[in-house]
C-alpha atoms as a PDB file:
ATOM      1  CA  MET A   1      -7.322 -10.357   6.857  1.00  0.00           C
ATOM      2  CA  ILE A   2      -8.328  -6.595   7.144  1.00  0.00           C
ATOM      3  CA  GLN A   3     -11.887  -6.003   8.627  1.00  0.00           C
ATOM      4  CA  LYS A   4     -10.670  -2.319   9.848  1.00  0.00           C
ATOM      5  CA  ILE A   5      -9.541   0.645   7.653  1.00  0.00           C
ATOM      6  CA  LEU A   6      -8.021   3.775   8.583  1.00  0.00           C
ATOM      7  CA  LEU A   7      -8.277   5.974   5.439  1.00  0.00           C
ATOM      8  CA  ALA A   8      -6.602   9.687   5.231  1.00  0.00           C
ATOM      9  CA  VAL A   9      -8.516  11.851   3.054  1.00  0.00           C
ATOM     10  CA  SER A  10      -6.946  15.447   2.178  1.00  0.00           C
ATOM     11  CA  GLY A  11      -9.363  16.725   0.096  1.00  0.00           C
ATOM     12  CA  LEU A  12      -7.671  15.071  -3.208  1.00  0.00           C
ATOM     13  CA  GLY A  13      -9.903  12.466  -3.902  1.00  0.00           C
ATOM     14  CA  HIS A  14      -7.458   9.508  -4.670  1.00  0.00           C
ATOM     15  CA  ALA A  15      -7.308   7.789  -1.941  1.00  0.00           C
ATOM     16  CA  GLU A  16     -11.471   8.105  -1.583  1.00  0.00           C
ATOM     17  CA  GLU A  17     -11.063   5.858  -5.384  1.00  0.00           C
ATOM     18  CA  MET A  18      -8.680   3.572  -4.228  1.00  0.00           C
ATOM     19  CA  MET A  19     -10.711   2.937  -1.073  1.00  0.00           C
ATOM     20  CA  LYS A  20     -14.356   2.679  -3.574  1.00  0.00           C
ATOM     21  CA  THR A  21     -12.650  -0.059  -5.569  1.00  0.00           C
ATOM     22  CA  LEU A  22     -11.658  -2.027  -3.066  1.00  0.00           C
ATOM     23  CA  LYS A  23     -14.989  -2.879  -1.442  1.00  0.00           C
ATOM     24  CA  GLU A  24     -16.008  -4.312  -4.970  1.00  0.00           C
ATOM     25  CA  MET A  25     -14.212  -6.605  -3.789  1.00  0.00           C
ATOM     26  CA  PRO A  26     -16.051  -9.461  -0.900  1.00  0.00           C
ATOM     27  CA  SER A  27     -12.786  -9.894   0.734  1.00  0.00           C
ATOM     28  CA  ILE A  28     -13.773  -6.193   2.206  1.00  0.00           C
ATOM     29  CA  GLN A  29     -16.964  -5.832   1.636  1.00  0.00           C
ATOM     30  CA  SER A  30     -17.483  -6.753   5.126  1.00  0.00           C
ATOM     31  CA  ALA A  31     -14.871  -4.565   6.368  1.00  0.00           C
ATOM     32  CA  LYS A  32     -15.408  -1.426   8.965  1.00  0.00           C
ATOM     33  CA  VAL A  33     -13.876   2.431   8.170  1.00  0.00           C
ATOM     34  CA  THR A  34     -12.646   4.676   9.463  1.00  0.00           C
ATOM     35  CA  VAL A  35     -11.967   7.852   7.065  1.00  0.00           C
ATOM     36  CA  LEU A  36      -9.755  10.483   8.690  1.00  0.00           C
ATOM     37  CA  HIS A  37      -8.921  14.175   8.058  1.00  0.00           C
ATOM     38  CA  VAL A  38      -5.840  16.125  10.016  1.00  0.00           C
ATOM     39  CA  VAL A  39      -6.496  19.856  10.519  1.00  0.00           C
ATOM     40  CA  PRO A  40      -2.218  20.815  11.155  1.00  0.00           C
ATOM     41  CA  PRO A  41      -2.058  23.786  13.869  1.00  0.00           C
ATOM     42  CA  GLN A  42      -2.499  27.112  12.218  1.00  0.00           C
ATOM     43  CA  SER A  43      -0.881  30.565  13.998  1.00  0.00           C
ATOM     44  CA  THR A  44      -4.454  32.033  14.638  1.00  0.00           C
ATOM     45  CA  ALA A  45      -7.761  31.707  16.315  1.00  0.00           C
ATOM     46  CA  ALA A  46      -9.291  32.343  13.211  1.00  0.00           C
ATOM     47  CA  ALA A  47      -7.482  30.704  10.956  1.00  0.00           C
ATOM     48  CA  MET A  48      -7.753  27.274  13.463  1.00  0.00           C
ATOM     49  CA  THR A  49     -11.618  27.650  12.441  1.00  0.00           C
ATOM     50  CA  ASP A  50     -11.309  28.415   9.006  1.00  0.00           C
ATOM     51  CA  LYS A  51      -9.638  25.194   8.948  1.00  0.00           C
ATOM     52  CA  TRP A  52     -12.158  22.778  10.858  1.00  0.00           C
ATOM     53  CA  GLU A  53     -14.802  24.367   9.149  1.00  0.00           C
ATOM     54  CA  GLU A  54     -13.405  23.017   5.974  1.00  0.00           C
ATOM     55  CA  GLY A  55     -11.937  19.764   7.558  1.00  0.00           C
ATOM     56  CA  GLY A  56     -16.127  18.917   8.511  1.00  0.00           C
ATOM     57  CA  LYS A  57     -16.829  19.691   4.697  1.00  0.00           C
ATOM     58  CA  ILE A  58     -13.681  17.695   3.479  1.00  0.00           C
ATOM     59  CA  LEU A  59     -14.637  14.370   6.032  1.00  0.00           C
ATOM     60  CA  ALA A  60     -18.451  14.377   5.397  1.00  0.00           C
ATOM     61  CA  ASN A  61     -17.761  14.674   0.538  1.00  0.00           C
ATOM     62  CA  ALA A  62     -15.681  12.510   1.025  1.00  0.00           C
ATOM     63  CA  ILE A  63     -18.126   9.700   3.161  1.00  0.00           C
ATOM     64  CA  GLN A  64     -20.933  11.154   0.432  1.00  0.00           C
ATOM     65  CA  SER A  65     -18.602  10.109  -2.243  1.00  0.00           C
ATOM     66  CA  LEU A  66     -17.303   6.364  -0.583  1.00  0.00           C
ATOM     67  CA  ASP A  67     -21.747   5.802  -0.340  1.00  0.00           C
ATOM     68  CA  LEU A  68     -21.030   3.099   2.349  1.00  0.00           C
ATOM     69  CA  ASP A  69     -23.159   1.357   4.853  1.00  0.00           C
ATOM     70  CA  PRO A  70     -23.746   3.507   7.241  1.00  0.00           C
ATOM     71  CA  SER A  71     -22.944   1.174   9.801  1.00  0.00           C
ATOM     72  CA  ARG A  72     -19.473  -0.004   8.830  1.00  0.00           C
ATOM     73  CA  VAL A  73     -18.037   3.988   8.363  1.00  0.00           C
ATOM     74  CA  SER A  74     -17.283   6.274  10.230  1.00  0.00           C
ATOM     75  CA  SER A  75     -15.357   9.758  11.172  1.00  0.00           C
ATOM     76  CA  ILE A  76     -12.578  11.780  12.983  1.00  0.00           C
ATOM     77  CA  LEU A  77     -11.839  15.352  12.806  1.00  0.00           C
ATOM     78  CA  ARG A  78      -8.496  16.223  14.660  1.00  0.00           C
ATOM     79  CA  GLN A  79      -6.027  18.701  15.573  1.00  0.00           C
ATOM     80  CA  GLY A  80      -1.620  17.411  14.793  1.00  0.00           C
ATOM     81  CA  ASP A  81       0.726  16.569  13.086  1.00  0.00           C
ATOM     82  CA  PRO A  82      -0.167  15.035   9.198  1.00  0.00           C
ATOM     83  CA  LYS A  83       1.903  12.040  10.001  1.00  0.00           C
ATOM     84  CA  ASP A  84       1.974  11.507  13.624  1.00  0.00           C
ATOM     85  CA  VAL A  85      -2.030  11.874  14.012  1.00  0.00           C
ATOM     86  CA  VAL A  86      -2.968   9.032  10.998  1.00  0.00           C
ATOM     87  CA  CYS A  87      -0.199   6.720  13.512  1.00  0.00           C
ATOM     88  CA  GLN A  88      -1.845   7.466  16.378  1.00  0.00           C
ATOM     89  CA  VAL A  89      -4.999   7.196  15.231  1.00  0.00           C
ATOM     90  CA  ALA A  90      -4.438   3.720  13.432  1.00  0.00           C
ATOM     91  CA  ASP A  91      -3.144   1.996  16.419  1.00  0.00           C
ATOM     92  CA  GLU A  92      -5.891   3.903  18.216  1.00  0.00           C
ATOM     93  CA  MET A  93      -8.462   1.939  16.153  1.00  0.00           C
ATOM     94  CA  ASP A  94      -5.644  -1.207  16.014  1.00  0.00           C
ATOM     95  CA  ALA A  95      -6.234  -1.209  12.094  1.00  0.00           C
ATOM     96  CA  ASP A  96      -5.927  -3.153   9.279  1.00  0.00           C
ATOM     97  CA  LEU A  97      -4.845  -1.655   7.030  1.00  0.00           C
ATOM     98  CA  ILE A  98      -4.151   2.214   6.173  1.00  0.00           C
ATOM     99  CA  ILE A  99      -5.117   3.741   2.912  1.00  0.00           C
ATOM    100  CA  MET A 100      -3.021   7.336   1.392  1.00  0.00           C
ATOM    101  CA  GLY A 101      -2.613   9.112  -1.071  1.00  0.00           C
ATOM    102  CA  SER A 102       0.903  10.126  -2.308  1.00  0.00           C
ATOM    103  CA  ARG A 103       2.597  12.655  -4.016  1.00  0.00           C
ATOM    104  CA  GLY A 104       5.326  10.108  -5.608  1.00  0.00           C
ATOM    105  CA  LEU A 105       8.083  12.405  -4.621  1.00  0.00           C
ATOM    106  CA  LYS A 106      11.963  11.046  -4.533  1.00  0.00           C
ATOM    107  CA  ARG A 107      13.340  10.272  -0.786  1.00  0.00           C
ATOM    108  CA  LEU A 108      15.307  13.102   0.089  1.00  0.00           C
ATOM    109  CA  GLN A 109      12.550  14.894  -1.318  1.00  0.00           C
ATOM    110  CA  SER A 110      10.585  13.192   0.602  1.00  0.00           C
ATOM    111  CA  ILE A 111      11.922  14.361   3.781  1.00  0.00           C
ATOM    112  CA  LEU A 112      12.439  18.040   2.657  1.00  0.00           C
ATOM    113  CA  ALA A 113       9.170  18.289   1.579  1.00  0.00           C
ATOM    114  CA  ASN A 114       7.210  16.666   4.590  1.00  0.00           C
ATOM    115  CA  SER A 115       5.849  13.814   3.341  1.00  0.00           C
ATOM    116  CA  VAL A 116       3.230  12.206   5.479  1.00  0.00           C
ATOM    117  CA  SER A 117       2.747   9.144   3.616  1.00  0.00           C
ATOM    118  CA  GLN A 118       6.866   8.978   3.999  1.00  0.00           C
ATOM    119  CA  TYR A 119       6.920   8.890   7.250  1.00  0.00           C
ATOM    120  CA  VAL A 120       3.517   6.824   8.379  1.00  0.00           C
ATOM    121  CA  PHE A 121       5.428   4.198   6.529  1.00  0.00           C
ATOM    122  CA  GLN A 122       8.655   4.758   8.329  1.00  0.00           C
ATOM    123  CA  LEU A 123       6.891   5.127  11.786  1.00  0.00           C
ATOM    124  CA  SER A 124       3.499   2.332  11.655  1.00  0.00           C
ATOM    125  CA  SER A 125       3.985  -1.412  10.912  1.00  0.00           C
ATOM    126  CA  ARG A 126       1.125  -2.053   9.306  1.00  0.00           C
ATOM    127  CA  PRO A 127       0.209  -1.989   5.090  1.00  0.00           C
ATOM    128  CA  MET A 128      -0.975   0.591   3.296  1.00  0.00           C
ATOM    129  CA  LEU A 129      -1.390   1.197   0.367  1.00  0.00           C
ATOM    130  CA  LEU A 130      -0.410   4.008  -1.364  1.00  0.00           C
ATOM    131  CA  VAL A 131      -1.949   5.716  -4.210  1.00  0.00           C
ATOM    132  CA  LYS A 132       0.151   8.269  -6.518  1.00  0.00           C
ATOM    133  CA  ASP A 133      -1.027  11.068  -7.601  1.00  0.00           C
ATOM    134  CA  ASP A 134      -0.656  10.457 -11.299  1.00  0.00           C
ATOM    135  CA  ILE A 135      -2.440   6.935 -11.742  1.00  0.00           C
ATOM    136  CA  TYR A 136      -5.434   5.901 -12.465  1.00  0.00           C
ATOM    137  CA  VAL A 137      -7.219   3.818  -9.885  1.00  0.00           C
ATOM    138  CA  LYS A 138      -9.462   1.126 -11.946  1.00  0.00           C
ATOM    139  CA  ARG A 139     -10.673  -2.217 -10.650  1.00  0.00           C
ATOM    140  CA  ILE A 140      -8.457  -5.007  -9.277  1.00  0.00           C
ATOM    141  CA  LYS A 141      -8.727  -7.787 -10.677  1.00  0.00           C
ATOM    142  CA  ARG A 142      -5.148  -8.900 -11.076  1.00  0.00           C
ATOM    143  CA  ILE A 143      -2.317  -8.594  -8.053  1.00  0.00           C
ATOM    144  CA  MET A 144       1.624  -8.992  -8.670  1.00  0.00           C
ATOM    145  CA  VAL A 145       3.386 -10.388  -5.427  1.00  0.00           C
ATOM    146  CA  ALA A 146       7.324  -9.359  -5.872  1.00  0.00           C
ATOM    147  CA  MET A 147       8.452 -13.225  -4.120  1.00  0.00           C
ATOM    148  CA  ASP A 148      11.704 -14.433  -2.435  1.00  0.00           C
ATOM    149  CA  ASN A 149      11.932 -17.114  -0.673  1.00  0.00           C
ATOM    150  CA  SER A 150      11.434 -13.989   3.154  1.00  0.00           C
ATOM    151  CA  ASP A 151       8.763 -14.127   5.139  1.00  0.00           C
ATOM    152  CA  ALA A 152       7.832 -10.747   4.033  1.00  0.00           C
ATOM    153  CA  ALA A 153       6.835 -11.798   0.600  1.00  0.00           C
ATOM    154  CA  LYS A 154       4.679 -14.541   2.584  1.00  0.00           C
ATOM    155  CA  ASN A 155       2.754 -12.188   4.079  1.00  0.00           C
ATOM    156  CA  CYS A 156       2.519 -10.570   0.756  1.00  0.00           C
ATOM    157  CA  LEU A 157       1.699 -13.323  -0.713  1.00  0.00           C
ATOM    158  CA  ASN A 158      -0.596 -13.980   1.857  1.00  0.00           C
ATOM    159  CA  LEU A 159      -2.430 -10.818   1.629  1.00  0.00           C
ATOM    160  CA  ALA A 160      -2.850 -10.836  -2.141  1.00  0.00           C
ATOM    161  CA  LEU A 161      -4.532 -13.882  -1.430  1.00  0.00           C
ATOM    162  CA  PHE A 162      -7.180 -12.667   0.951  1.00  0.00           C
ATOM    163  CA  LEU A 163      -7.960  -9.724  -1.334  1.00  0.00           C
ATOM    164  CA  LEU A 164      -8.218 -11.876  -5.012  1.00  0.00           C
ATOM    165  CA  ARG A 165     -11.513 -14.809  -3.502  1.00  0.00           C
ATOM    166  CA  GLY A 166     -14.406 -14.163  -5.026  1.00  0.00           C
ATOM    167  CA  VAL A 167     -13.344 -12.004  -7.438  1.00  0.00           C
ATOM    168  CA  THR A 168     -14.191 -12.601 -10.594  1.00  0.00           C
ATOM    169  CA  GLY A 169     -11.860 -13.083 -13.410  1.00  0.00           C
ATOM    170  CA  GLY A 170      -8.999 -12.723 -10.564  1.00  0.00           C
ATOM    171  CA  GLN A 171      -5.520 -13.961 -10.985  1.00  0.00           C
ATOM    172  CA  LEU A 172      -2.339 -13.103  -8.998  1.00  0.00           C
ATOM    173  CA  ILE A 173       1.123 -12.915 -10.918  1.00  0.00           C
ATOM    174  CA  LEU A 174       4.206 -13.973  -8.678  1.00  0.00           C
ATOM    175  CA  GLY A 175       7.193 -11.669 -10.038  1.00  0.00           C
ATOM    176  CA  ASN A 176      10.389 -12.910  -9.052  1.00  0.00           C
ATOM    177  CA  ILE A 177      13.406 -11.133 -10.185  1.00  0.00           C
ATOM    178  CA  ASN A 178      17.148 -12.040 -11.639  1.00  0.00           C
ATOM    179  CA  THR A 179      19.483 -10.311  -9.767  1.00  0.00           C
ATOM    180  CA  ASP A 180      22.914 -12.307 -11.183  1.00  0.00           C
ATOM    181  CA  LEU A 181      24.098 -10.749 -14.358  1.00  0.00           C
ATOM    182  CA  GLY A 182      25.121  -7.451 -12.934  1.00  0.00           C
ATOM    183  CA  GLY A 183      22.183  -5.467 -14.051  1.00  0.00           C
ATOM    184  CA  LYS A 184      21.436  -6.657 -17.277  1.00  0.00           C
ATOM    185  CA  LEU A 185      17.914  -6.610 -18.839  1.00  0.00           C
ATOM    186  CA  SER A 186      16.045  -9.103 -19.845  1.00  0.00           C
ATOM    187  CA  GLY A 187      13.005 -10.112 -21.697  1.00  0.00           C
ATOM    188  CA  ILE A 188       9.483 -11.022 -18.871  1.00  0.00           C
ATOM    189  CA  THR A 189       9.696 -15.366 -18.542  1.00  0.00           C
ATOM    190  CA  ASP A 190       6.913 -16.990 -18.421  1.00  0.00           C
ATOM    191  CA  ILE A 191       7.966 -19.885 -15.668  1.00  0.00           C
ATOM    192  CA  LYS A 192       6.398 -22.703 -14.341  1.00  0.00           C
ATOM    193  CA  PRO A 193       8.061 -23.390 -11.254  1.00  0.00           C
ATOM    194  CA  GLU A 194       9.634 -26.842  -9.028  1.00  0.00           C
ATOM    195  CA  LYS A 195       6.697 -27.871  -6.999  1.00  0.00           C
ATOM    196  CA  ASN A 196       8.707 -28.039  -3.582  1.00  0.00           C
ATOM    197  CA  SER A 197      10.203 -24.505  -4.516  1.00  0.00           C
ATOM    198  CA  VAL A 198       9.396 -21.398  -3.231  1.00  0.00           C
ATOM    199  CA  LEU A 199       6.953 -20.386  -6.120  1.00  0.00           C
ATOM    200  CA  GLY A 200       6.196 -23.544  -7.057  1.00  0.00           C
ATOM    201  CA  ASN A 201       4.149 -23.572  -2.699  1.00  0.00           C
ATOM    202  CA  ALA A 202       3.315 -20.248  -3.427  1.00  0.00           C
ATOM    203  CA  VAL A 203       0.915 -21.734  -6.654  1.00  0.00           C
ATOM    204  CA  ALA A 204      -0.435 -24.256  -4.265  1.00  0.00           C
ATOM    205  CA  GLU A 205      -1.098 -21.996  -1.959  1.00  0.00           C
ATOM    206  CA  ALA A 206      -2.828 -20.267  -4.977  1.00  0.00           C
ATOM    207  CA  GLU A 207      -4.509 -22.988  -6.621  1.00  0.00           C
ATOM    208  CA  LYS A 208      -6.465 -24.272  -3.266  1.00  0.00           C
ATOM    209  CA  LEU A 209      -8.188 -21.343  -3.674  1.00  0.00           C
ATOM    210  CA  GLY A 210      -9.051 -21.681  -6.651  1.00  0.00           C
ATOM    211  CA  ILE A 211      -6.918 -18.719  -7.560  1.00  0.00           C
ATOM    212  CA  PRO A 212      -5.398 -18.443 -11.032  1.00  0.00           C
ATOM    213  CA  VAL A 213      -1.495 -17.667 -10.887  1.00  0.00           C
ATOM    214  CA  ARG A 214       0.932 -17.003 -13.715  1.00  0.00           C
ATOM    215  CA  CYS A 215       4.421 -17.405 -12.392  1.00  0.00           C
ATOM    216  CA  VAL A 216       6.759 -14.700 -14.180  1.00  0.00           C
ATOM    217  CA  THR A 217      10.341 -14.256 -14.524  1.00  0.00           C
ATOM    218  CA  SER A 218      12.904 -11.134 -15.682  1.00  0.00           C
ATOM    219  CA  SER A 219      16.673 -10.056 -15.495  1.00  0.00           C
ATOM    220  CA  GLY A 220      17.930  -6.522 -13.963  1.00  0.00           C
ATOM    221  CA  LYS A 221      17.891  -4.373 -11.001  1.00  0.00           C
ATOM    222  CA  PRO A 222      14.686  -5.343  -8.681  1.00  0.00           C
ATOM    223  CA  GLY A 223      13.238  -1.924  -7.981  1.00  0.00           C
ATOM    224  CA  GLU A 224      12.811  -1.054 -11.874  1.00  0.00           C
ATOM    225  CA  GLU A 225      12.965  -4.812 -12.798  1.00  0.00           C
ATOM    226  CA  ILE A 226       9.674  -5.004 -10.674  1.00  0.00           C
ATOM    227  CA  CYS A 227       7.689  -0.944 -12.018  1.00  0.00           C
ATOM    228  CA  ARG A 228       8.609  -2.459 -14.837  1.00  0.00           C
ATOM    229  CA  LEU A 229       6.932  -5.728 -14.797  1.00  0.00           C
ATOM    230  CA  ALA A 230       3.425  -4.154 -13.056  1.00  0.00           C
ATOM    231  CA  GLU A 231       3.747  -1.927 -15.803  1.00  0.00           C
ATOM    232  CA  GLU A 232       3.573  -3.953 -19.070  1.00  0.00           C
ATOM    233  CA  LEU A 233       1.981  -6.825 -17.042  1.00  0.00           C
ATOM    234  CA  ASN A 234      -0.967  -4.133 -16.737  1.00  0.00           C
ATOM    235  CA  ILE A 235      -1.016  -5.061 -12.723  1.00  0.00           C
ATOM    236  CA  ASP A 236      -3.753  -3.283 -10.911  1.00  0.00           C
ATOM    237  CA  LEU A 237      -2.721  -4.212  -7.318  1.00  0.00           C
ATOM    238  CA  LEU A 238       1.526  -4.516  -6.420  1.00  0.00           C
ATOM    239  CA  VAL A 239       1.934  -6.190  -2.856  1.00  0.00           C
ATOM    240  CA  LEU A 240       4.903  -5.676  -1.628  1.00  0.00           C
ATOM    241  CA  GLY A 241       7.596  -6.420   2.169  1.00  0.00           C
ATOM    242  CA  SER A 242       9.675  -3.880   3.555  1.00  0.00           C
ATOM    243  CA  PRO A 243      11.613  -5.542   6.567  1.00  0.00           C
ATOM    244  CA  ASP A 244      12.040  -3.425   9.947  1.00  0.00           C
ATOM    245  CA  ARG A 245      15.707  -2.616  10.229  1.00  0.00           C
ATOM    246  CA  ARG A 246      15.330  -1.123  12.933  1.00  0.00           C
ATOM    247  CA  PRO A 247      16.117  -1.584  16.798  1.00  0.00           C
ATOM    248  CA  SER A 248      13.086  -1.954  18.909  1.00  0.00           C
ATOM    249  CA  ILE A 249      14.781   0.636  21.086  1.00  0.00           C
ATOM    250  CA  ALA A 250      14.488   2.524  17.492  1.00  0.00           C
ATOM    251  CA  LYS A 251      11.155   1.542  16.767  1.00  0.00           C
ATOM    252  CA  SER A 252       8.867   5.036  17.508  1.00  0.00           C
ATOM    253  CA  PHE A 253      11.951   7.046  15.158  1.00  0.00           C
ATOM    254  CA  VAL A 254      12.252   7.463  11.545  1.00  0.00           C
ATOM    255  CA  ASP A 255      14.945   5.025   9.585  1.00  0.00           C
ATOM    256  CA  LEU A 256      16.912   8.202   7.952  1.00  0.00           C
ATOM    257  CA  ASP A 257      19.533   5.915   6.496  1.00  0.00           C
ATOM    258  CA  ARG A 258      16.531   4.049   4.413  1.00  0.00           C
ATOM    259  CA  LEU A 259      14.811   7.297   3.895  1.00  0.00           C
ATOM    260  CA  ILE A 260      17.909   8.895   2.091  1.00  0.00           C
ATOM    261  CA  GLY A 261      19.177   5.511   1.425  1.00  0.00           C
ATOM    262  CA  ALA A 262      18.484   3.193  -1.867  1.00  0.00           C
ATOM    263  CA  SER A 263      15.132   1.074  -0.557  1.00  0.00           C
ATOM    264  CA  LEU A 264      13.397  -1.621  -2.455  1.00  0.00           C
ATOM    265  CA  SER A 265      10.371  -0.399  -1.210  1.00  0.00           C
ATOM    266  CA  ASP A 266      11.150   3.321  -1.439  1.00  0.00           C
ATOM    267  CA  TYR A 267      12.044   3.010  -5.383  1.00  0.00           C
ATOM    268  CA  VAL A 268       8.696   1.214  -5.656  1.00  0.00           C
ATOM    269  CA  ARG A 269       7.090   3.345  -4.486  1.00  0.00           C
ATOM    270  CA  VAL A 270       8.045   6.859  -6.557  1.00  0.00           C
ATOM    271  CA  ASN A 271       8.208   4.814  -9.562  1.00  0.00           C
ATOM    272  CA  GLY A 272       5.509   2.180  -9.749  1.00  0.00           C
ATOM    273  CA  THR A 273       2.894   2.903 -12.000  1.00  0.00           C
ATOM    274  CA  CYS A 274      -0.483   1.229  -9.487  1.00  0.00           C
ATOM    275  CA  PRO A 275      -1.525   1.347  -6.464  1.00  0.00           C
ATOM    276  CA  VAL A 276       1.080  -0.240  -4.206  1.00  0.00           C
ATOM    277  CA  LEU A 277       0.843  -1.730  -0.376  1.00  0.00           C
ATOM    278  CA  LEU A 278       3.285  -2.235   1.660  1.00  0.00           C
ATOM    279  CA  VAL A 279       3.564  -4.815   3.576  1.00  0.00           C
ATOM    280  CA  ARG A 280       5.706  -4.394   6.629  1.00  0.00           C
ATOM    281  CA  THR A 281       7.819  -6.725   8.289  1.00  0.00           C
ATOM    282  CA  VAL A 282       8.948  -6.829  11.117  1.00  0.00           C
ATOM    283  CA  ALA A 283      13.299  -8.529  10.461  1.00  0.00           C
END
């Protein structure tokens, strides 16, 4: 499912650490990686030259730190608006996954600060792995999927199962949030789902692949509970679906309602304590 990865680097190092961790997973080892750095437009020719030189060094350092098979890694240095260029390159190479660092800005801050990662997620339909500046990237063994009966959750499940194939000591955690208690918090409870339920079918898929699975439930506000589960269960990677609500004619425009409104994926992106893989699912 993931054969072509676009790694957008800015010189901070977290995205590179995430890529190195992913490449330890058997399912990712054959993937080809394109490392991208975008040079923003400058006011003078001299400043532009300096930025190009700096960008070349950032790319070289990133590739050196990744220590990948040279036949499976390439680099692109391009000028333009970073959020537009990342989307363009992802489309050009038909990327299966975009990896980016994130400052963890809240919704309005993202707009005012021109957040690249937030806008790329808004404008791209491709899965996107966000790594905040303030988290520690760990070896991926425990992957949690926020499960409900949506197509988005099913796509997340399939992606998580793909990633966990061949991972020694790997575990899939299926988290289900009960929102019927008026926001009242509960403890985290292990459950054994019925065979033909959404969770039951997900367990069956994992067991077919020999992947250990654990089902947990809790009650409260979905965004807060998903983040709480991820932190208390020491999750290494959280996979979350996000439907695209825009009509086809507006796919090339940012969904400002989602940026400003109470988006579940946006809450988790900002408040999650582990890397978050957002799966953009077309409604």
